Amino acid sequence: MKTNRYCILLVGCLALTLMACGGKKKSENIITERAEVPKPQEPVRLQPYSDSRDISWIGRQYHLDINRQSSDSLPMVKDEIGQQFVDNYITLVVSRQDGSQFYHHRFSKKDFDKYLDDDYRKTGILEGLVFDKTDGDWLEFAASVCHPQTDEYIPLIVRLSRMGELSIKRDTQMDTSAVEEEEKDEEEGV
């Protein structure tokens, strides 16, 4: 009888062991770390920018002042996570040698509106305006409207005539001067 009990007990333990080990369900839950979406902070402003220089144009000396300043009076733009960015005004002053003003204009993104697509009108800010060159009766400047904190921008050409007329167009020409200079250096063995 003892043997029977041991056999029954042994068979019972073996059956429990098999039931416990076998037939485990596979979990379809995949455990990963949850990516935190950055939360928007207070509105971001570009640093103020200022450039002053003297140039020779149409046989006379002129002084250029370009100043960028963020402005709370302009509509703010948001990126894809809702971060707000403050837009900018850029002031251009062209003065004659005697100090009198030849030209004064405060640019905003609105000045370039017809050269922008809907995306840049909604999410772009006026980033910069820099003097490029004199071209006969014209002063030429490069301007840009950008998506904040990215390398994406729309390049623009701003031209000012000797009569004080302003001309703006989208810059469709790639600046290849640095590439051409590098190729020239390689050809010369520099």
N, C-alpha and C. Protein backbone atom coordinates (compact mmCIF):
# COMPACT_ATOMS: atom_id res chain seq x y z
N MET A 1 0.78 -1.17 0.00
CA MET A 1 0.00 0.00 0.00
C MET A 1 0.83 1.26 0.00
N LYS A 2 1.93 1.17 0.78
CA LYS A 2 2.81 2.32 0.79
C LYS A 2 3.32 2.61 -0.60
N THR A 3 3.61 1.59 -1.31
CA THR A 3 4.13 1.78 -2.65
C THR A 3 3.08 2.42 -3.53
N ASN A 4 1.85 2.04 -3.36
CA ASN A 4 0.78 2.63 -4.14
C ASN A 4 0.64 4.12 -3.83
N ARG A 5 0.74 4.43 -2.55
CA ARG A 5 0.65 5.84 -2.19
C ARG A 5 1.78 6.65 -2.78
N TYR A 6 2.97 6.08 -2.70
CA TYR A 6 4.12 6.78 -3.26
C TYR A 6 3.99 6.94 -4.77
N CYS A 7 3.46 5.91 -5.40
CA CYS A 7 3.27 6.00 -6.86
C CYS A 7 2.23 7.05 -7.22
N ILE A 8 1.15 7.07 -6.47
CA ILE A 8 0.10 8.05 -6.74
C ILE A 8 0.63 9.46 -6.46
N LEU A 9 1.34 9.58 -5.35
CA LEU A 9 1.92 10.88 -5.00
C LEU A 9 2.94 11.33 -6.04
N LEU A 10 3.74 10.39 -6.49
CA LEU A 10 4.75 10.70 -7.51
C LEU A 10 4.10 11.08 -8.83
N VAL A 11 3.07 10.37 -9.24
CA VAL A 11 2.36 10.68 -10.48
C VAL A 11 1.67 12.04 -10.34
N GLY A 12 1.10 12.32 -9.19
CA GLY A 12 0.44 13.62 -8.96
C GLY A 12 1.44 14.78 -9.04
N CYS A 13 2.60 14.59 -8.41
CA CYS A 13 3.64 15.66 -8.46
C CYS A 13 4.13 15.86 -9.88
N LEU A 14 4.33 14.74 -10.57
CA LEU A 14 4.80 14.83 -11.96
C LEU A 14 3.77 15.54 -12.83
N ALA A 15 2.49 15.23 -12.62
CA ALA A 15 1.42 15.88 -13.40
C ALA A 15 1.37 17.37 -13.09
N LEU A 16 1.50 17.76 -11.82
CA LEU A 16 1.52 19.17 -11.45
C LEU A 16 2.72 19.89 -12.04
N THR A 17 3.86 19.23 -12.04
CA THR A 17 5.07 19.83 -12.61
C THR A 17 4.89 20.07 -14.10
N LEU A 18 4.34 19.11 -14.79
CA LEU A 18 4.14 19.25 -16.23
C LEU A 18 3.13 20.35 -16.54
N MET A 19 2.09 20.43 -15.74
CA MET A 19 1.09 21.47 -15.97
C MET A 19 1.66 22.85 -15.68
N ALA A 20 2.51 22.94 -14.70
CA ALA A 20 3.09 24.24 -14.34
C ALA A 20 4.08 24.71 -15.39
N CYS A 21 4.86 23.80 -15.94
CA CYS A 21 5.90 24.20 -16.91
C CYS A 21 5.36 24.31 -18.33
N GLY A 22 4.49 23.48 -18.69
CA GLY A 22 4.01 23.45 -20.06
C GLY A 22 2.89 24.44 -20.29
N GLY A 23 2.71 24.82 -21.54
CA GLY A 23 1.58 25.64 -21.92
C GLY A 23 1.66 27.08 -21.44
N LYS A 24 2.86 27.61 -21.24
CA LYS A 24 2.98 29.03 -20.87
C LYS A 24 2.52 29.89 -22.02
N LYS A 25 1.74 30.88 -21.72
CA LYS A 25 1.28 31.80 -22.76
C LYS A 25 2.39 32.81 -23.05
N LYS A 26 2.57 33.08 -24.32
CA LYS A 26 3.54 34.11 -24.70
C LYS A 26 2.85 35.46 -24.62
N SER A 27 3.53 36.38 -24.02
CA SER A 27 2.98 37.72 -23.87
C SER A 27 3.19 38.51 -25.16
N GLU A 28 2.18 39.23 -25.57
CA GLU A 28 2.32 40.07 -26.75
C GLU A 28 2.66 41.50 -26.38
N ASN A 29 2.87 41.72 -25.10
CA ASN A 29 3.26 43.06 -24.65
C ASN A 29 4.75 43.25 -24.89
N ILE A 30 5.07 44.34 -25.53
CA ILE A 30 6.47 44.69 -25.76
C ILE A 30 6.79 45.86 -24.85
N ILE A 31 7.78 45.67 -24.04
CA ILE A 31 8.13 46.71 -23.07
C ILE A 31 9.25 47.56 -23.65
N THR A 32 8.98 48.84 -23.81
CA THR A 32 9.99 49.79 -24.30
C THR A 32 9.91 51.04 -23.45
N GLU A 33 10.93 51.87 -23.60
CA GLU A 33 10.91 53.14 -22.90
C GLU A 33 10.02 54.10 -23.66
N ARG A 34 9.27 54.85 -22.95
CA ARG A 34 8.37 55.81 -23.56
C ARG A 34 9.17 57.06 -23.93
N ALA A 35 9.12 57.42 -25.20
CA ALA A 35 9.85 58.63 -25.64
C ALA A 35 9.09 59.85 -25.17
N GLU A 36 9.79 60.71 -24.48
CA GLU A 36 9.15 61.92 -23.99
C GLU A 36 9.17 62.98 -25.07
N VAL A 37 8.02 63.53 -25.35
CA VAL A 37 7.91 64.62 -26.29
C VAL A 37 8.30 65.89 -25.55
N PRO A 38 9.28 66.64 -26.10
CA PRO A 38 9.67 67.87 -25.40
C PRO A 38 8.48 68.80 -25.24
N LYS A 39 8.39 69.38 -24.07
CA LYS A 39 7.30 70.31 -23.81
C LYS A 39 7.73 71.71 -24.22
N PRO A 40 6.83 72.47 -24.83
CA PRO A 40 7.18 73.84 -25.21
C PRO A 40 7.59 74.65 -23.98
N GLN A 41 8.58 75.51 -24.20
CA GLN A 41 9.04 76.39 -23.14
C GLN A 41 8.57 77.79 -23.48
N GLU A 42 9.10 78.78 -22.77
CA GLU A 42 8.71 80.15 -23.08
C GLU A 42 9.18 80.49 -24.49
N PRO A 43 8.57 81.48 -25.15
CA PRO A 43 8.91 81.81 -26.54
C PRO A 43 10.42 82.07 -26.72
N VAL A 44 10.94 81.54 -27.83
CA VAL A 44 12.37 81.66 -28.16
C VAL A 44 12.58 82.90 -29.02
N ARG A 45 13.64 83.64 -28.71
CA ARG A 45 14.00 84.85 -29.46
C ARG A 45 15.39 84.68 -30.06
N LEU A 46 15.56 85.19 -31.27
CA LEU A 46 16.91 85.26 -31.84
C LEU A 46 17.67 86.39 -31.15
N GLN A 47 18.97 86.24 -31.07
CA GLN A 47 19.81 87.29 -30.50
C GLN A 47 19.72 88.54 -31.38
N PRO A 48 19.76 89.71 -30.77
CA PRO A 48 19.82 90.93 -31.59
C PRO A 48 21.09 90.90 -32.46
N TYR A 49 20.99 91.48 -33.63
CA TYR A 49 22.11 91.50 -34.57
C TYR A 49 22.28 92.91 -35.09
N SER A 50 23.54 93.32 -35.26
CA SER A 50 23.81 94.66 -35.76
C SER A 50 25.05 94.61 -36.65
N ASP A 51 24.98 95.32 -37.77
CA ASP A 51 26.13 95.42 -38.68
C ASP A 51 26.19 96.86 -39.20
N SER A 52 27.35 97.48 -39.07
CA SER A 52 27.58 98.83 -39.59
C SER A 52 28.82 98.79 -40.47
N ARG A 53 28.74 99.44 -41.61
CA ARG A 53 29.90 99.47 -42.51
C ARG A 53 29.81 100.66 -43.45
N ASP A 54 30.97 101.08 -43.91
CA ASP A 54 31.07 102.13 -44.92
C ASP A 54 31.32 101.47 -46.26
N ILE A 55 30.64 101.98 -47.29
CA ILE A 55 30.82 101.44 -48.64
C ILE A 55 31.00 102.58 -49.62
N SER A 56 31.60 102.25 -50.74
CA SER A 56 31.71 103.19 -51.85
C SER A 56 30.69 102.75 -52.90
N TRP A 57 29.83 103.71 -53.29
CA TRP A 57 28.75 103.38 -54.24
C TRP A 57 28.50 104.58 -55.12
N ILE A 58 28.43 104.35 -56.40
CA ILE A 58 28.22 105.37 -57.44
C ILE A 58 29.08 106.62 -57.19
N GLY A 59 30.34 106.38 -56.88
CA GLY A 59 31.31 107.46 -56.73
C GLY A 59 31.25 108.22 -55.41
N ARG A 60 30.48 107.75 -54.46
CA ARG A 60 30.36 108.43 -53.16
C ARG A 60 30.47 107.42 -52.02
N GLN A 61 30.71 107.95 -50.83
CA GLN A 61 30.77 107.13 -49.63
C GLN A 61 29.39 107.10 -48.95
N TYR A 62 28.99 105.93 -48.52
CA TYR A 62 27.74 105.74 -47.80
C TYR A 62 28.01 104.89 -46.56
N HIS A 63 27.13 105.03 -45.59
CA HIS A 63 27.23 104.22 -44.38
C HIS A 63 25.96 103.37 -44.26
N LEU A 64 26.14 102.06 -44.00
CA LEU A 64 25.01 101.14 -43.86
C LEU A 64 24.89 100.71 -42.40
N ASP A 65 23.67 100.72 -41.89
CA ASP A 65 23.36 100.17 -40.57
C ASP A 65 22.23 99.17 -40.74
N ILE A 66 22.47 97.94 -40.27
CA ILE A 66 21.45 96.89 -40.31
C ILE A 66 21.29 96.38 -38.89
N ASN A 67 20.06 96.37 -38.39
CA ASN A 67 19.80 95.92 -37.03
C ASN A 67 18.60 94.98 -37.00
N ARG A 68 18.79 93.81 -36.35
CA ARG A 68 17.69 92.86 -36.16
C ARG A 68 17.28 92.90 -34.69
N GLN A 69 15.97 92.97 -34.47
CA GLN A 69 15.43 92.99 -33.11
C GLN A 69 14.15 92.19 -33.08
N SER A 70 14.02 91.27 -32.11
CA SER A 70 12.77 90.52 -31.97
C SER A 70 11.70 91.46 -31.44
N SER A 71 10.44 91.16 -31.78
CA SER A 71 9.36 92.06 -31.39
C SER A 71 8.12 91.28 -30.97
N ASP A 72 7.64 91.58 -29.77
CA ASP A 72 6.41 90.96 -29.27
C ASP A 72 5.17 91.48 -29.99
N SER A 73 5.31 92.57 -30.75
CA SER A 73 4.16 93.11 -31.47
C SER A 73 3.86 92.33 -32.75
N LEU A 74 4.81 91.50 -33.20
CA LEU A 74 4.59 90.67 -34.38
C LEU A 74 3.95 89.34 -33.96
N PRO A 75 3.17 88.72 -34.86
CA PRO A 75 2.59 87.41 -34.53
C PRO A 75 3.70 86.38 -34.30
N MET A 76 3.54 85.55 -33.27
CA MET A 76 4.50 84.49 -33.00
C MET A 76 4.20 83.31 -33.90
N VAL A 77 5.22 82.49 -34.15
CA VAL A 77 5.03 81.26 -34.93
C VAL A 77 5.30 80.07 -34.02
N LYS A 78 4.75 78.91 -34.40
CA LYS A 78 4.93 77.68 -33.63
C LYS A 78 5.53 76.60 -34.52
N ASP A 79 6.34 75.74 -33.89
CA ASP A 79 6.84 74.58 -34.62
C ASP A 79 5.90 73.38 -34.37
N GLU A 80 6.33 72.19 -34.81
CA GLU A 80 5.45 71.02 -34.74
C GLU A 80 5.14 70.56 -33.32
N ILE A 81 5.96 70.93 -32.31
CA ILE A 81 5.64 70.54 -30.93
C ILE A 81 4.96 71.66 -30.16
N GLY A 82 4.70 72.76 -30.84
CA GLY A 82 4.00 73.87 -30.19
C GLY A 82 4.91 74.93 -29.59
N GLN A 83 6.25 74.77 -29.78
CA GLN A 83 7.18 75.78 -29.26
C GLN A 83 6.96 77.09 -30.02
N GLN A 84 6.82 78.18 -29.29
CA GLN A 84 6.61 79.48 -29.91
C GLN A 84 7.95 80.18 -30.15
N PHE A 85 7.99 80.97 -31.25
CA PHE A 85 9.16 81.75 -31.61
C PHE A 85 8.71 83.18 -31.88
N VAL A 86 9.50 84.13 -31.40
CA VAL A 86 9.20 85.54 -31.61
C VAL A 86 9.80 85.95 -32.95
N ASP A 87 9.01 86.64 -33.78
CA ASP A 87 9.49 87.10 -35.09
C ASP A 87 10.29 88.39 -34.91
N ASN A 88 10.93 88.82 -35.99
CA ASN A 88 11.87 89.94 -35.92
C ASN A 88 11.53 91.06 -36.89
N TYR A 89 11.98 92.24 -36.51
CA TYR A 89 12.07 93.37 -37.43
C TYR A 89 13.55 93.53 -37.77
N ILE A 90 13.82 93.92 -39.01
CA ILE A 90 15.18 94.27 -39.40
C ILE A 90 15.13 95.67 -40.00
N THR A 91 15.93 96.56 -39.42
CA THR A 91 15.96 97.96 -39.88
C THR A 91 17.20 98.17 -40.72
N LEU A 92 16.99 98.75 -41.90
CA LEU A 92 18.08 99.12 -42.80
C LEU A 92 18.11 100.63 -42.92
N VAL A 93 19.27 101.22 -42.63
CA VAL A 93 19.47 102.66 -42.79
C VAL A 93 20.70 102.87 -43.67
N VAL A 94 20.52 103.62 -44.75
CA VAL A 94 21.63 103.98 -45.63
C VAL A 94 21.80 105.49 -45.51
N SER A 95 22.98 105.91 -45.05
CA SER A 95 23.24 107.33 -44.83
C SER A 95 24.32 107.83 -45.77
N ARG A 96 24.17 109.10 -46.15
CA ARG A 96 25.18 109.75 -46.98
C ARG A 96 26.38 110.13 -46.11
N GLN A 97 27.44 110.55 -46.75
CA GLN A 97 28.67 110.91 -46.05
C GLN A 97 28.45 112.06 -45.07
N ASP A 98 27.53 112.98 -45.39
CA ASP A 98 27.26 114.11 -44.49
C ASP A 98 26.34 113.73 -43.32
N GLY A 99 25.91 112.44 -43.24
CA GLY A 99 25.08 111.97 -42.14
C GLY A 99 23.59 111.98 -42.43
N SER A 100 23.18 112.62 -43.54
CA SER A 100 21.75 112.63 -43.88
C SER A 100 21.33 111.24 -44.37
N GLN A 101 20.08 110.89 -44.10
CA GLN A 101 19.59 109.56 -44.49
C GLN A 101 19.18 109.54 -45.95
N PHE A 102 19.71 108.56 -46.67
CA PHE A 102 19.30 108.32 -48.04
C PHE A 102 18.09 107.37 -48.05
N TYR A 103 18.12 106.36 -47.17
CA TYR A 103 17.05 105.37 -47.16
C TYR A 103 16.90 104.81 -45.74
N HIS A 104 15.65 104.58 -45.34
CA HIS A 104 15.35 103.98 -44.04
C HIS A 104 14.12 103.10 -44.20
N HIS A 105 14.22 101.85 -43.77
CA HIS A 105 13.07 100.94 -43.84
C HIS A 105 13.18 99.90 -42.74
N ARG A 106 12.05 99.61 -42.10
CA ARG A 106 11.98 98.54 -41.11
C ARG A 106 11.23 97.37 -41.75
N PHE A 107 11.97 96.29 -42.01
CA PHE A 107 11.41 95.10 -42.67
C PHE A 107 10.79 94.17 -41.63
N SER A 108 9.71 93.52 -42.05
CA SER A 108 9.15 92.40 -41.31
C SER A 108 8.91 91.28 -42.33
N LYS A 109 8.52 90.13 -41.85
CA LYS A 109 8.25 89.01 -42.76
C LYS A 109 7.18 89.39 -43.77
N LYS A 110 6.27 90.26 -43.39
CA LYS A 110 5.18 90.69 -44.27
C LYS A 110 5.71 91.32 -45.57
N ASP A 111 6.88 91.99 -45.50
CA ASP A 111 7.47 92.59 -46.70
C ASP A 111 7.82 91.55 -47.76
N PHE A 112 8.02 90.29 -47.34
CA PHE A 112 8.44 89.23 -48.25
C PHE A 112 7.32 88.22 -48.52
N ASP A 113 6.11 88.56 -48.09
CA ASP A 113 4.97 87.66 -48.12
C ASP A 113 4.74 87.01 -49.48
N LYS A 114 4.79 87.77 -50.56
CA LYS A 114 4.46 87.19 -51.86
C LYS A 114 5.55 86.26 -52.41
N TYR A 115 6.71 86.19 -51.73
CA TYR A 115 7.79 85.31 -52.15
C TYR A 115 7.86 84.05 -51.30
N LEU A 116 6.94 83.92 -50.35
CA LEU A 116 6.92 82.78 -49.43
C LEU A 116 5.76 81.85 -49.76
N ASP A 117 5.94 80.58 -49.44
CA ASP A 117 4.81 79.65 -49.57
C ASP A 117 4.02 79.67 -48.26
N ASP A 118 2.89 79.00 -48.24
CA ASP A 118 2.01 79.02 -47.06
C ASP A 118 2.71 78.54 -45.80
N ASP A 119 3.56 77.53 -45.94
CA ASP A 119 4.27 76.98 -44.78
C ASP A 119 5.17 78.04 -44.13
N TYR A 120 5.94 78.76 -44.94
CA TYR A 120 6.84 79.79 -44.39
C TYR A 120 6.06 81.01 -43.89
N ARG A 121 4.92 81.30 -44.52
CA ARG A 121 4.09 82.39 -44.00
C ARG A 121 3.59 82.06 -42.59
N LYS A 122 3.29 80.78 -42.37
CA LYS A 122 2.72 80.37 -41.09
C LYS A 122 3.79 80.05 -40.04
N THR A 123 4.88 79.39 -40.43
CA THR A 123 5.85 78.89 -39.45
C THR A 123 7.25 79.49 -39.59
N GLY A 124 7.43 80.46 -40.46
CA GLY A 124 8.75 81.06 -40.65
C GLY A 124 8.89 82.39 -39.93
N ILE A 125 10.15 82.77 -39.67
CA ILE A 125 10.45 84.09 -39.11
C ILE A 125 11.49 84.77 -39.97
N LEU A 126 11.51 86.09 -39.93
CA LEU A 126 12.52 86.87 -40.65
C LEU A 126 13.84 86.70 -39.90
N GLU A 127 14.80 86.07 -40.55
CA GLU A 127 16.05 85.73 -39.88
C GLU A 127 17.14 86.77 -40.09
N GLY A 128 17.33 87.20 -41.33
CA GLY A 128 18.48 88.07 -41.55
C GLY A 128 18.39 88.92 -42.80
N LEU A 129 19.22 89.95 -42.80
CA LEU A 129 19.44 90.82 -43.95
C LEU A 129 20.89 91.25 -43.87
N VAL A 130 21.66 90.97 -44.91
CA VAL A 130 23.08 91.34 -44.92
C VAL A 130 23.43 92.00 -46.25
N PHE A 131 24.37 92.93 -46.18
CA PHE A 131 24.85 93.57 -47.40
C PHE A 131 25.63 92.55 -48.21
N ASP A 132 25.39 92.53 -49.53
CA ASP A 132 26.09 91.61 -50.41
C ASP A 132 27.09 92.35 -51.30
N LYS A 133 26.60 93.31 -52.10
CA LYS A 133 27.50 93.98 -53.04
C LYS A 133 26.84 95.21 -53.64
N THR A 134 27.65 96.01 -54.31
CA THR A 134 27.11 97.08 -55.15
C THR A 134 27.10 96.54 -56.57
N ASP A 135 26.09 96.90 -57.32
CA ASP A 135 25.95 96.43 -58.69
C ASP A 135 25.46 97.60 -59.54
N GLY A 136 26.39 98.41 -60.02
CA GLY A 136 26.02 99.59 -60.79
C GLY A 136 25.24 100.57 -59.94
N ASP A 137 23.99 100.84 -60.34
CA ASP A 137 23.13 101.79 -59.61
C ASP A 137 22.38 101.14 -58.44
N TRP A 138 22.73 99.94 -58.10
CA TRP A 138 21.99 99.18 -57.08
C TRP A 138 22.89 98.75 -55.92
N LEU A 139 22.31 98.77 -54.73
CA LEU A 139 22.89 98.09 -53.57
C LEU A 139 22.16 96.77 -53.46
N GLU A 140 22.90 95.69 -53.23
CA GLU A 140 22.26 94.39 -53.17
C GLU A 140 22.47 93.76 -51.79
N PHE A 141 21.38 93.23 -51.25
CA PHE A 141 21.38 92.60 -49.93
C PHE A 141 20.81 91.19 -50.06
N ALA A 142 21.24 90.31 -49.17
CA ALA A 142 20.67 88.97 -49.08
C ALA A 142 19.80 88.92 -47.83
N ALA A 143 18.60 88.39 -47.97
CA ALA A 143 17.68 88.26 -46.84
C ALA A 143 17.22 86.82 -46.74
N SER A 144 16.71 86.44 -45.57
CA SER A 144 16.20 85.07 -45.42
C SER A 144 15.05 85.03 -44.43
N VAL A 145 14.09 84.17 -44.78
CA VAL A 145 13.00 83.82 -43.87
C VAL A 145 13.20 82.33 -43.60
N CYS A 146 13.26 81.97 -42.31
CA CYS A 146 13.64 80.59 -41.96
C CYS A 146 12.60 79.92 -41.08
N HIS A 147 12.72 78.59 -41.03
CA HIS A 147 12.05 77.82 -39.98
C HIS A 147 12.99 77.90 -38.79
N PRO A 148 12.52 78.39 -37.66
CA PRO A 148 13.41 78.60 -36.51
C PRO A 148 14.13 77.33 -36.07
N GLN A 149 15.37 77.48 -35.69
CA GLN A 149 16.24 76.42 -35.18
C GLN A 149 16.41 75.27 -36.15
N THR A 150 16.37 75.59 -37.46
CA THR A 150 16.66 74.60 -38.49
C THR A 150 17.57 75.27 -39.52
N ASP A 151 18.02 74.48 -40.49
CA ASP A 151 18.80 75.01 -41.61
C ASP A 151 17.92 75.33 -42.80
N GLU A 152 16.62 75.26 -42.64
CA GLU A 152 15.69 75.48 -43.74
C GLU A 152 15.31 76.96 -43.82
N TYR A 153 15.49 77.53 -45.01
CA TYR A 153 15.15 78.94 -45.19
C TYR A 153 14.87 79.23 -46.66
N ILE A 154 14.23 80.36 -46.90
CA ILE A 154 14.01 80.84 -48.26
C ILE A 154 14.94 82.03 -48.47
N PRO A 155 15.87 81.91 -49.42
CA PRO A 155 16.78 83.03 -49.68
C PRO A 155 16.12 84.07 -50.58
N LEU A 156 16.37 85.34 -50.27
CA LEU A 156 15.77 86.44 -51.01
C LEU A 156 16.84 87.46 -51.36
N ILE A 157 16.63 88.17 -52.43
CA ILE A 157 17.52 89.25 -52.84
C ILE A 157 16.75 90.56 -52.72
N VAL A 158 17.33 91.49 -51.99
CA VAL A 158 16.75 92.82 -51.81
C VAL A 158 17.69 93.80 -52.50
N ARG A 159 17.13 94.57 -53.44
CA ARG A 159 17.95 95.55 -54.17
C ARG A 159 17.39 96.95 -53.94
N LEU A 160 18.30 97.89 -53.73
CA LEU A 160 17.94 99.29 -53.51
C LEU A 160 18.61 100.12 -54.60
N SER A 161 17.80 100.88 -55.36
CA SER A 161 18.35 101.67 -56.47
C SER A 161 18.85 103.02 -55.96
N ARG A 162 19.60 103.70 -56.79
CA ARG A 162 20.12 105.03 -56.44
C ARG A 162 18.99 106.05 -56.31
N MET A 163 17.78 105.68 -56.80
CA MET A 163 16.62 106.55 -56.68
C MET A 163 15.78 106.21 -55.44
N GLY A 164 16.23 105.23 -54.67
CA GLY A 164 15.52 104.85 -53.45
C GLY A 164 14.41 103.85 -53.68
N GLU A 165 14.40 103.19 -54.84
CA GLU A 165 13.38 102.19 -55.14
C GLU A 165 13.85 100.83 -54.62
N LEU A 166 12.93 100.10 -54.02
CA LEU A 166 13.24 98.79 -53.46
C LEU A 166 12.71 97.70 -54.38
N SER A 167 13.53 96.69 -54.61
CA SER A 167 13.15 95.54 -55.43
C SER A 167 13.47 94.28 -54.63
N ILE A 168 12.51 93.34 -54.59
CA ILE A 168 12.71 92.09 -53.87
C ILE A 168 12.39 90.94 -54.82
N LYS A 169 13.21 89.89 -54.75
CA LYS A 169 12.90 88.68 -55.51
C LYS A 169 13.47 87.48 -54.76
N ARG A 170 12.92 86.33 -55.08
CA ARG A 170 13.41 85.09 -54.48
C ARG A 170 14.72 84.72 -55.15
N ASP A 171 15.71 84.32 -54.37
CA ASP A 171 17.02 83.94 -54.91
C ASP A 171 16.96 82.49 -55.36
N THR A 172 17.04 82.29 -56.66
CA THR A 172 16.98 80.94 -57.21
C THR A 172 18.35 80.43 -57.60
N GLN A 173 19.36 81.25 -57.48
CA GLN A 173 20.72 80.89 -57.87
C GLN A 173 21.45 80.34 -56.65
N MET A 174 22.03 79.16 -56.80
CA MET A 174 22.82 78.60 -55.70
C MET A 174 24.16 79.33 -55.62
N ASP A 175 24.61 79.56 -54.39
CA ASP A 175 25.91 80.18 -54.19
C ASP A 175 26.97 79.11 -54.34
N THR A 176 27.62 79.10 -55.49
CA THR A 176 28.63 78.08 -55.75
C THR A 176 30.03 78.66 -55.72
N SER A 177 30.18 79.89 -55.28
CA SER A 177 31.50 80.52 -55.30
C SER A 177 32.50 79.77 -54.44
N ALA A 178 32.11 79.26 -53.28
CA ALA A 178 33.02 78.51 -52.42
C ALA A 178 33.43 77.20 -53.08
N VAL A 179 32.49 76.52 -53.75
CA VAL A 179 32.80 75.28 -54.44
C VAL A 179 33.74 75.56 -55.61
N GLU A 180 33.45 76.62 -56.39
CA GLU A 180 34.29 76.98 -57.52
C GLU A 180 35.70 77.33 -57.07
N GLU A 181 35.82 78.04 -55.94
CA GLU A 181 37.12 78.41 -55.41
C GLU A 181 37.91 77.17 -54.99
N GLU A 182 37.22 76.22 -54.37
CA GLU A 182 37.87 74.98 -53.95
C GLU A 182 38.35 74.19 -55.15
N GLU A 183 37.51 74.11 -56.20
CA GLU A 183 37.92 73.41 -57.42
C GLU A 183 39.11 74.07 -58.08
N LYS A 184 39.13 75.41 -58.07
CA LYS A 184 40.24 76.16 -58.66
C LYS A 184 41.53 75.88 -57.88
N ASP A 185 41.43 75.85 -56.55
CA ASP A 185 42.60 75.55 -55.72
C ASP A 185 43.13 74.15 -56.00
N GLU A 186 42.23 73.18 -56.19
CA GLU A 186 42.65 71.82 -56.48
C GLU A 186 43.34 71.74 -57.83
N GLU A 187 42.84 72.48 -58.83
CA GLU A 187 43.46 72.48 -60.15
C GLU A 187 44.86 73.10 -60.10
N GLU A 188 45.02 74.11 -59.25
CA GLU A 188 46.33 74.77 -59.13
C GLU A 188 47.26 74.03 -58.19
N GLY A 189 46.75 72.97 -57.55
CA GLY A 189 47.58 72.17 -56.66
C GLY A 189 47.80 72.80 -55.30
N VAL A 190 46.90 73.66 -54.89
CA VAL A 190 47.04 74.31 -53.58
C VAL A 190 46.48 73.43 -52.51
